[in-house]
């Protein structure tokens, strides 16, 4: 009964913790002052961490849906849903450019259809050179961070 009472109690945190949609390997930071603990219904779908700045970091790890619970220091609980979807292919015209941002230190393309150029740590410019399909692979310390499929027309 106590859990039900906490879930139905309106608190300022409810307004801050709205439902979230992400792509796999996408991330979001949610402002959540006073949060001291989290729970995740399906930990295979997202990685969630409390940041020491009153924020919660969410990383989509697999396609699916889950519920995240946030507890404040006064014991109040609020929940929100996180939906993680497969990344949609990007489409570029020949000569077009795309800026990708993520936490990576290396990048490569699987095709000559696109040219990749690191602008600074965490930012890469992708330029469409010729019609075709390419995958841009972002890695950090040798581990994959994100793959971005690009269709060049």
N, C-alpha and C. Protein backbone atom coordinates (compact mmCIF):
# COMPACT_ATOMS: atom_id res chain seq x y z
N UNK A 1 0.82 -1.20 0.00
CA UNK A 1 0.00 0.00 0.00
C UNK A 1 0.86 1.26 0.00
N UNK A 2 1.95 1.24 0.74
CA UNK A 2 2.81 2.42 0.78
C UNK A 2 3.39 2.72 -0.60
N UNK A 3 3.80 1.70 -1.34
CA UNK A 3 4.34 1.91 -2.67
C UNK A 3 3.30 2.56 -3.57
N UNK A 4 2.07 2.07 -3.52
CA UNK A 4 1.00 2.64 -4.32
C UNK A 4 0.78 4.10 -3.96
N UNK A 5 0.81 4.42 -2.67
CA UNK A 5 0.64 5.80 -2.23
C UNK A 5 1.75 6.69 -2.78
N UNK A 6 2.99 6.22 -2.78
CA UNK A 6 4.10 7.02 -3.29
C UNK A 6 3.99 7.23 -4.79
N UNK A 7 3.58 6.23 -5.52
CA UNK A 7 3.47 6.35 -6.97
C UNK A 7 2.38 7.33 -7.36
N UNK A 8 1.28 7.35 -6.64
CA UNK A 8 0.18 8.23 -7.01
C UNK A 8 0.30 9.62 -6.43
N UNK A 9 1.24 9.84 -5.52
CA UNK A 9 1.45 11.16 -4.96
C UNK A 9 2.11 12.05 -6.00
N UNK A 10 1.56 13.24 -6.23
CA UNK A 10 2.18 14.16 -7.18
C UNK A 10 3.37 14.84 -6.52
N UNK A 11 4.46 14.89 -7.23
CA UNK A 11 5.64 15.56 -6.70
C UNK A 11 6.26 16.38 -7.83
N UNK A 12 7.09 17.37 -7.51
CA UNK A 12 7.74 18.16 -8.55
C UNK A 12 8.57 17.30 -9.49
N UNK A 13 9.07 16.15 -9.03
CA UNK A 13 9.91 15.30 -9.85
C UNK A 13 9.15 14.71 -11.02
N UNK A 14 7.87 14.46 -10.86
CA UNK A 14 7.08 13.87 -11.94
C UNK A 14 7.16 14.72 -13.19
N UNK A 15 7.06 16.03 -13.03
CA UNK A 15 7.13 16.93 -14.19
C UNK A 15 8.50 16.89 -14.85
N UNK A 16 9.54 16.61 -14.07
CA UNK A 16 10.89 16.59 -14.61
C UNK A 16 11.21 15.28 -15.32
N UNK A 17 10.57 14.20 -14.92
CA UNK A 17 10.88 12.88 -15.47
C UNK A 17 9.81 12.46 -16.47
N UNK A 18 9.86 13.05 -17.66
CA UNK A 18 8.92 12.72 -18.73
C UNK A 18 9.39 11.47 -19.45
N UNK A 19 8.47 10.82 -20.18
CA UNK A 19 8.85 9.66 -20.97
C UNK A 19 9.96 10.06 -21.94
N UNK A 20 10.87 9.13 -22.22
CA UNK A 20 12.04 9.40 -23.03
C UNK A 20 12.10 8.40 -24.18
N UNK A 21 12.43 8.88 -25.37
CA UNK A 21 12.68 8.02 -26.53
C UNK A 21 14.11 8.24 -26.99
N UNK A 22 14.80 7.13 -27.25
CA UNK A 22 16.20 7.18 -27.67
C UNK A 22 16.43 6.15 -28.77
N UNK A 23 17.52 6.33 -29.51
CA UNK A 23 18.01 5.28 -30.38
C UNK A 23 19.02 4.46 -29.58
N UNK A 24 19.29 3.24 -30.04
CA UNK A 24 20.35 2.45 -29.42
C UNK A 24 21.63 3.26 -29.45
N UNK A 25 22.32 3.31 -28.34
CA UNK A 25 23.53 4.09 -28.10
C UNK A 25 23.28 5.59 -28.01
N UNK A 26 22.02 5.99 -28.05
CA UNK A 26 21.69 7.39 -27.82
C UNK A 26 21.68 7.66 -26.33
N UNK A 27 21.89 8.91 -25.95
CA UNK A 27 21.91 9.25 -24.53
C UNK A 27 21.17 10.53 -24.25
N UNK A 28 20.74 10.66 -23.02
CA UNK A 28 20.00 11.84 -22.61
C UNK A 28 20.30 12.10 -21.14
N UNK A 29 20.37 13.36 -20.77
CA UNK A 29 20.50 13.75 -19.37
C UNK A 29 19.19 14.41 -18.95
N UNK A 30 18.63 13.93 -17.84
CA UNK A 30 17.36 14.45 -17.33
C UNK A 30 17.64 15.17 -16.02
N UNK A 31 17.18 16.41 -15.91
CA UNK A 31 17.31 17.14 -14.65
C UNK A 31 16.40 16.51 -13.61
N UNK A 32 16.95 16.19 -12.45
CA UNK A 32 16.19 15.54 -11.39
C UNK A 32 16.81 15.89 -10.04
N UNK A 33 16.61 17.14 -9.60
CA UNK A 33 17.19 17.56 -8.32
C UNK A 33 16.72 16.67 -7.16
N UNK A 34 17.64 16.33 -6.29
CA UNK A 34 17.30 15.56 -5.10
C UNK A 34 17.24 14.06 -5.30
N UNK A 35 17.51 13.58 -6.50
CA UNK A 35 17.46 12.13 -6.74
C UNK A 35 18.67 11.47 -6.09
N UNK A 36 18.39 10.42 -5.32
CA UNK A 36 19.47 9.72 -4.63
C UNK A 36 19.55 8.26 -5.03
N UNK A 37 18.50 7.74 -5.68
CA UNK A 37 18.49 6.32 -6.04
C UNK A 37 17.65 6.11 -7.28
N UNK A 38 18.00 5.10 -8.05
CA UNK A 38 17.24 4.77 -9.26
C UNK A 38 16.95 3.28 -9.28
N UNK A 39 15.93 2.92 -10.06
CA UNK A 39 15.68 1.51 -10.36
C UNK A 39 15.30 1.42 -11.83
N UNK A 40 15.66 0.31 -12.46
CA UNK A 40 15.36 0.09 -13.87
C UNK A 40 14.69 -1.27 -13.98
N UNK A 41 13.52 -1.28 -14.60
CA UNK A 41 12.77 -2.53 -14.75
C UNK A 41 13.53 -3.55 -15.60
N UNK A 42 14.07 -3.13 -16.76
CA UNK A 42 14.80 -4.04 -17.64
C UNK A 42 16.16 -3.42 -17.95
N UNK A 43 17.18 -3.87 -17.23
CA UNK A 43 18.51 -3.29 -17.36
C UNK A 43 19.19 -3.62 -18.69
N UNK A 44 18.62 -4.53 -19.49
CA UNK A 44 19.20 -4.81 -20.79
C UNK A 44 18.85 -3.72 -21.81
N UNK A 45 17.85 -2.89 -21.52
CA UNK A 45 17.39 -1.86 -22.47
C UNK A 45 18.12 -0.53 -22.26
N UNK A 46 18.38 -0.16 -21.02
CA UNK A 46 19.05 1.12 -20.73
C UNK A 46 20.05 0.98 -19.59
N UNK A 47 21.02 1.86 -19.61
CA UNK A 47 21.93 2.05 -18.49
C UNK A 47 21.59 3.42 -17.93
N UNK A 48 21.28 3.49 -16.65
CA UNK A 48 20.87 4.75 -16.02
C UNK A 48 21.75 4.98 -14.80
N UNK A 49 22.23 6.22 -14.67
CA UNK A 49 23.09 6.57 -13.54
C UNK A 49 22.71 7.93 -12.98
N UNK A 50 22.80 8.04 -11.66
CA UNK A 50 22.59 9.33 -11.01
C UNK A 50 23.91 10.09 -11.09
N UNK A 51 23.85 11.31 -11.62
CA UNK A 51 25.03 12.16 -11.66
C UNK A 51 25.06 12.97 -10.37
N UNK A 52 26.21 13.38 -9.94
CA UNK A 52 26.31 14.12 -8.69
C UNK A 52 25.81 15.56 -8.80
N UNK A 53 25.27 15.93 -9.94
CA UNK A 53 24.80 17.30 -10.14
C UNK A 53 23.28 17.41 -10.13
N UNK A 54 22.57 16.41 -9.58
CA UNK A 54 21.12 16.46 -9.57
C UNK A 54 20.53 16.10 -10.92
N UNK A 55 21.24 15.26 -11.65
CA UNK A 55 20.78 14.84 -12.96
C UNK A 55 20.89 13.33 -13.07
N UNK A 56 20.12 12.80 -14.04
CA UNK A 56 20.16 11.36 -14.31
C UNK A 56 20.58 11.20 -15.76
N UNK A 57 21.55 10.32 -16.00
CA UNK A 57 22.05 10.03 -17.35
C UNK A 57 21.45 8.73 -17.82
N UNK A 58 20.93 8.71 -19.05
CA UNK A 58 20.28 7.53 -19.62
C UNK A 58 20.96 7.20 -20.93
N UNK A 59 21.35 5.93 -21.09
CA UNK A 59 21.98 5.44 -22.32
C UNK A 59 21.16 4.27 -22.83
N UNK A 60 20.68 4.36 -24.09
CA UNK A 60 19.95 3.26 -24.71
C UNK A 60 20.93 2.17 -25.11
N UNK A 61 20.74 0.93 -24.61
CA UNK A 61 21.67 -0.15 -24.89
C UNK A 61 21.09 -1.24 -25.79
N UNK A 62 19.76 -1.35 -25.86
CA UNK A 62 19.13 -2.37 -26.71
C UNK A 62 17.71 -1.92 -27.04
N UNK A 63 17.18 -2.41 -28.16
CA UNK A 63 15.81 -2.07 -28.56
C UNK A 63 14.84 -2.64 -27.53
N UNK A 64 13.89 -1.80 -27.09
CA UNK A 64 12.88 -2.25 -26.13
C UNK A 64 12.31 -1.09 -25.34
N UNK A 65 11.49 -1.42 -24.36
CA UNK A 65 10.91 -0.43 -23.45
C UNK A 65 11.13 -0.87 -22.02
N UNK A 66 11.27 0.10 -21.14
CA UNK A 66 11.42 -0.20 -19.73
C UNK A 66 10.90 0.98 -18.90
N UNK A 67 10.77 0.76 -17.63
CA UNK A 67 10.34 1.81 -16.70
C UNK A 67 11.49 2.12 -15.75
N UNK A 68 11.72 3.40 -15.52
CA UNK A 68 12.78 3.86 -14.61
C UNK A 68 12.11 4.52 -13.42
N UNK A 69 12.56 4.17 -12.23
CA UNK A 69 12.07 4.78 -11.00
C UNK A 69 13.13 5.68 -10.40
N UNK A 70 12.72 6.87 -9.96
CA UNK A 70 13.64 7.83 -9.34
C UNK A 70 13.16 8.14 -7.93
N UNK A 71 14.03 7.96 -6.94
CA UNK A 71 13.71 8.29 -5.57
C UNK A 71 14.43 9.58 -5.18
N UNK A 72 13.69 10.46 -4.56
CA UNK A 72 14.29 11.69 -4.02
C UNK A 72 14.75 11.44 -2.60
N UNK A 73 15.55 12.36 -2.09
CA UNK A 73 16.10 12.23 -0.74
C UNK A 73 15.01 12.20 0.32
N UNK A 74 13.81 12.75 0.03
CA UNK A 74 12.71 12.73 1.00
C UNK A 74 11.85 11.47 0.88
N UNK A 75 12.26 10.51 0.03
CA UNK A 75 11.54 9.24 -0.10
C UNK A 75 10.50 9.20 -1.20
N UNK A 76 10.24 10.33 -1.85
CA UNK A 76 9.24 10.33 -2.93
C UNK A 76 9.78 9.57 -4.14
N UNK A 77 8.87 8.89 -4.84
CA UNK A 77 9.21 8.11 -6.01
C UNK A 77 8.41 8.59 -7.20
N UNK A 78 9.07 8.70 -8.35
CA UNK A 78 8.35 8.94 -9.60
C UNK A 78 8.90 7.98 -10.63
N UNK A 79 8.10 7.67 -11.63
CA UNK A 79 8.52 6.74 -12.67
C UNK A 79 8.28 7.35 -14.04
N UNK A 80 9.05 6.87 -15.02
CA UNK A 80 8.83 7.26 -16.40
C UNK A 80 9.28 6.13 -17.30
N UNK A 81 8.75 6.10 -18.49
CA UNK A 81 9.08 5.05 -19.45
C UNK A 81 10.21 5.52 -20.37
N UNK A 82 11.05 4.57 -20.77
CA UNK A 82 12.09 4.82 -21.75
C UNK A 82 11.89 3.82 -22.89
N UNK A 83 11.78 4.35 -24.10
CA UNK A 83 11.64 3.51 -25.29
C UNK A 83 12.92 3.67 -26.10
N UNK A 84 13.55 2.53 -26.44
CA UNK A 84 14.78 2.55 -27.22
C UNK A 84 14.49 1.89 -28.56
N UNK A 85 14.81 2.61 -29.64
CA UNK A 85 14.54 2.13 -30.99
C UNK A 85 15.84 1.92 -31.74
N UNK A 86 15.77 1.11 -32.79
CA UNK A 86 16.92 0.90 -33.66
C UNK A 86 17.24 2.21 -34.38
N UNK A 87 18.50 2.51 -34.56
CA UNK A 87 18.85 3.74 -35.27
C UNK A 87 18.31 3.72 -36.70
N UNK A 88 17.74 4.83 -37.10
CA UNK A 88 17.23 4.96 -38.47
C UNK A 88 18.38 5.34 -39.40
N UNK A 89 18.41 4.77 -40.61
CA UNK A 89 19.46 5.17 -41.54
C UNK A 89 19.34 6.66 -41.88
N UNK A 90 20.45 7.31 -42.05
CA UNK A 90 20.47 8.71 -42.47
C UNK A 90 20.58 8.74 -43.98
N UNK A 91 19.98 9.74 -44.61
CA UNK A 91 20.08 9.90 -46.05
C UNK A 91 20.73 11.23 -46.36
N UNK A 92 21.72 11.20 -47.25
CA UNK A 92 22.42 12.41 -47.68
C UNK A 92 22.46 12.43 -49.20
N UNK A 93 22.46 13.61 -49.75
CA UNK A 93 22.70 13.77 -51.18
C UNK A 93 24.20 13.93 -51.39
N UNK A 94 24.68 13.55 -52.56
CA UNK A 94 26.10 13.72 -52.88
C UNK A 94 26.47 15.19 -52.61
N UNK A 95 27.54 15.41 -51.88
CA UNK A 95 27.99 16.75 -51.52
C UNK A 95 27.45 17.21 -50.17
N UNK A 96 26.44 16.52 -49.65
CA UNK A 96 25.86 16.88 -48.35
C UNK A 96 26.76 16.46 -47.21
N UNK A 97 26.56 17.11 -46.05
CA UNK A 97 27.36 16.79 -44.87
C UNK A 97 26.47 16.54 -43.67
N UNK A 98 26.99 15.76 -42.75
CA UNK A 98 26.30 15.40 -41.53
C UNK A 98 27.30 15.53 -40.39
N UNK A 99 26.87 16.12 -39.28
CA UNK A 99 27.72 16.22 -38.09
C UNK A 99 27.25 15.19 -37.09
N UNK A 100 28.16 14.35 -36.63
CA UNK A 100 27.86 13.36 -35.59
C UNK A 100 28.61 13.74 -34.33
N UNK A 101 27.92 13.64 -33.20
CA UNK A 101 28.55 13.93 -31.91
C UNK A 101 28.31 12.76 -30.97
N UNK A 102 29.34 12.34 -30.29
CA UNK A 102 29.25 11.25 -29.34
C UNK A 102 30.57 11.19 -28.59
N UNK A 103 30.69 10.29 -27.64
CA UNK A 103 31.94 10.13 -26.89
C UNK A 103 32.77 9.06 -27.60
N UNK A 104 33.60 9.47 -28.56
CA UNK A 104 34.42 8.55 -29.32
C UNK A 104 35.81 9.15 -29.53
N UNK A 105 36.75 8.28 -29.88
CA UNK A 105 38.08 8.80 -30.19
C UNK A 105 38.59 8.33 -31.55
N UNK A 106 37.87 7.39 -32.20
CA UNK A 106 38.23 6.96 -33.54
C UNK A 106 36.97 6.80 -34.37
N UNK A 107 37.14 6.98 -35.70
CA UNK A 107 36.00 6.84 -36.60
C UNK A 107 36.50 6.23 -37.91
N UNK A 108 35.65 5.41 -38.53
CA UNK A 108 35.97 4.89 -39.85
C UNK A 108 34.68 4.68 -40.62
N UNK A 109 34.81 4.66 -41.94
CA UNK A 109 33.69 4.40 -42.82
C UNK A 109 33.90 3.07 -43.52
N UNK A 110 32.80 2.36 -43.76
CA UNK A 110 32.89 1.06 -44.43
C UNK A 110 32.81 1.18 -45.95
N UNK A 111 32.71 2.40 -46.48
CA UNK A 111 32.54 2.59 -47.91
C UNK A 111 33.16 3.90 -48.36
N UNK A 112 33.55 3.95 -49.63
CA UNK A 112 34.08 5.18 -50.20
C UNK A 112 32.96 6.16 -50.54
N UNK A 113 31.70 5.78 -50.31
CA UNK A 113 30.57 6.67 -50.58
C UNK A 113 30.59 7.89 -49.67
N UNK A 114 31.24 7.77 -48.51
CA UNK A 114 31.34 8.91 -47.59
C UNK A 114 32.78 9.09 -47.13
N UNK A 115 33.08 10.33 -46.79
CA UNK A 115 34.39 10.68 -46.24
C UNK A 115 34.16 11.17 -44.82
N UNK A 116 34.96 10.71 -43.87
CA UNK A 116 34.80 11.13 -42.48
C UNK A 116 36.02 11.93 -42.05
N UNK A 117 35.75 12.94 -41.22
CA UNK A 117 36.82 13.82 -40.75
C UNK A 117 36.51 14.23 -39.31
N UNK A 118 37.40 13.90 -38.38
CA UNK A 118 37.21 14.31 -36.99
C UNK A 118 37.49 15.80 -36.87
N UNK A 119 36.52 16.53 -36.34
CA UNK A 119 36.68 17.97 -36.15
C UNK A 119 37.36 18.26 -34.82
N UNK A 120 36.93 17.56 -33.80
CA UNK A 120 37.51 17.64 -32.47
C UNK A 120 37.03 16.41 -31.72
N UNK A 121 37.56 16.17 -30.54
CA UNK A 121 37.13 14.98 -29.80
C UNK A 121 35.61 15.02 -29.63
N UNK A 122 34.96 13.95 -30.09
CA UNK A 122 33.52 13.85 -29.94
C UNK A 122 32.71 14.40 -31.10
N UNK A 123 33.36 14.96 -32.11
CA UNK A 123 32.65 15.51 -33.27
C UNK A 123 33.31 15.05 -34.56
N UNK A 124 32.47 14.53 -35.49
CA UNK A 124 32.98 14.10 -36.78
C UNK A 124 32.07 14.64 -37.88
N UNK A 125 32.68 15.09 -38.97
CA UNK A 125 31.93 15.53 -40.15
C UNK A 125 31.92 14.37 -41.14
N UNK A 126 30.74 14.07 -41.68
CA UNK A 126 30.60 13.03 -42.69
C UNK A 126 30.16 13.72 -43.97
N UNK A 127 30.92 13.53 -45.05
CA UNK A 127 30.60 14.16 -46.34
C UNK A 127 30.26 13.07 -47.35
N UNK A 128 29.11 13.22 -48.00
CA UNK A 128 28.66 12.26 -49.02
C UNK A 128 29.41 12.51 -50.31
N UNK A 129 30.13 11.50 -50.80
CA UNK A 129 30.96 11.66 -52.00
C UNK A 129 30.34 11.04 -53.25
N UNK A 130 29.72 9.86 -53.10
CA UNK A 130 29.15 9.18 -54.28
C UNK A 130 27.97 8.32 -53.84
N UNK A 131 27.04 8.06 -54.75
CA UNK A 131 25.87 7.25 -54.39
C UNK A 131 26.28 5.88 -53.83
N UNK A 132 25.55 5.43 -52.85
CA UNK A 132 25.82 4.13 -52.24
C UNK A 132 25.40 4.11 -50.78
N UNK A 133 25.81 3.07 -50.10
CA UNK A 133 25.47 2.90 -48.69
C UNK A 133 26.76 2.74 -47.90
N UNK A 134 26.82 3.39 -46.74
CA UNK A 134 28.01 3.31 -45.90
C UNK A 134 27.59 3.22 -44.44
N UNK A 135 28.47 2.66 -43.65
CA UNK A 135 28.29 2.67 -42.21
C UNK A 135 29.47 3.41 -41.62
N UNK A 136 29.19 4.39 -40.78
CA UNK A 136 30.23 5.12 -40.06
C UNK A 136 30.30 4.50 -38.67
N UNK A 137 31.48 4.03 -38.30
CA UNK A 137 31.67 3.32 -37.03
C UNK A 137 32.47 4.21 -36.09
N UNK A 138 31.87 4.56 -34.96
CA UNK A 138 32.53 5.36 -33.93
C UNK A 138 32.97 4.42 -32.82
N UNK A 139 34.23 4.55 -32.39
CA UNK A 139 34.75 3.72 -31.31
C UNK A 139 35.44 4.57 -30.26
N UNK A 140 35.50 4.04 -29.06
CA UNK A 140 36.21 4.70 -27.97
C UNK A 140 37.06 3.65 -27.26
N UNK A 141 38.34 3.88 -27.22
CA UNK A 141 39.29 2.94 -26.62
C UNK A 141 39.12 1.54 -27.20
N UNK A 142 38.86 1.47 -28.50
CA UNK A 142 38.74 0.20 -29.20
C UNK A 142 37.38 -0.47 -29.12
N UNK A 143 36.46 0.07 -28.32
CA UNK A 143 35.12 -0.52 -28.19
C UNK A 143 34.12 0.29 -29.02
N UNK A 144 33.20 -0.39 -29.72
CA UNK A 144 32.21 0.33 -30.52
C UNK A 144 31.33 1.22 -29.65
N UNK A 145 31.10 2.44 -30.11
CA UNK A 145 30.20 3.37 -29.43
C UNK A 145 28.88 3.45 -30.18
N UNK A 146 28.97 3.61 -31.51
CA UNK A 146 27.77 3.75 -32.31
C UNK A 146 28.10 3.50 -33.77
N UNK A 147 27.16 2.86 -34.48
CA UNK A 147 27.24 2.71 -35.93
C UNK A 147 26.13 3.54 -36.53
N UNK A 148 26.45 4.31 -37.57
CA UNK A 148 25.47 5.14 -38.25
C UNK A 148 25.43 4.72 -39.71
N UNK A 149 24.27 4.22 -40.14
CA UNK A 149 24.09 3.83 -41.54
C UNK A 149 23.70 5.06 -42.35
N UNK A 150 24.36 5.26 -43.49
CA UNK A 150 24.11 6.43 -44.33
C UNK A 150 23.84 5.97 -45.75
N UNK A 151 22.72 6.39 -46.30
CA UNK A 151 22.39 6.15 -47.71
C UNK A 151 22.70 7.42 -48.47
N UNK A 152 23.54 7.33 -49.48
CA UNK A 152 23.91 8.50 -50.29
C UNK A 152 23.18 8.39 -51.62
N UNK A 153 22.47 9.48 -51.95
CA UNK A 153 21.71 9.51 -53.22
C UNK A 153 22.26 10.57 -54.12
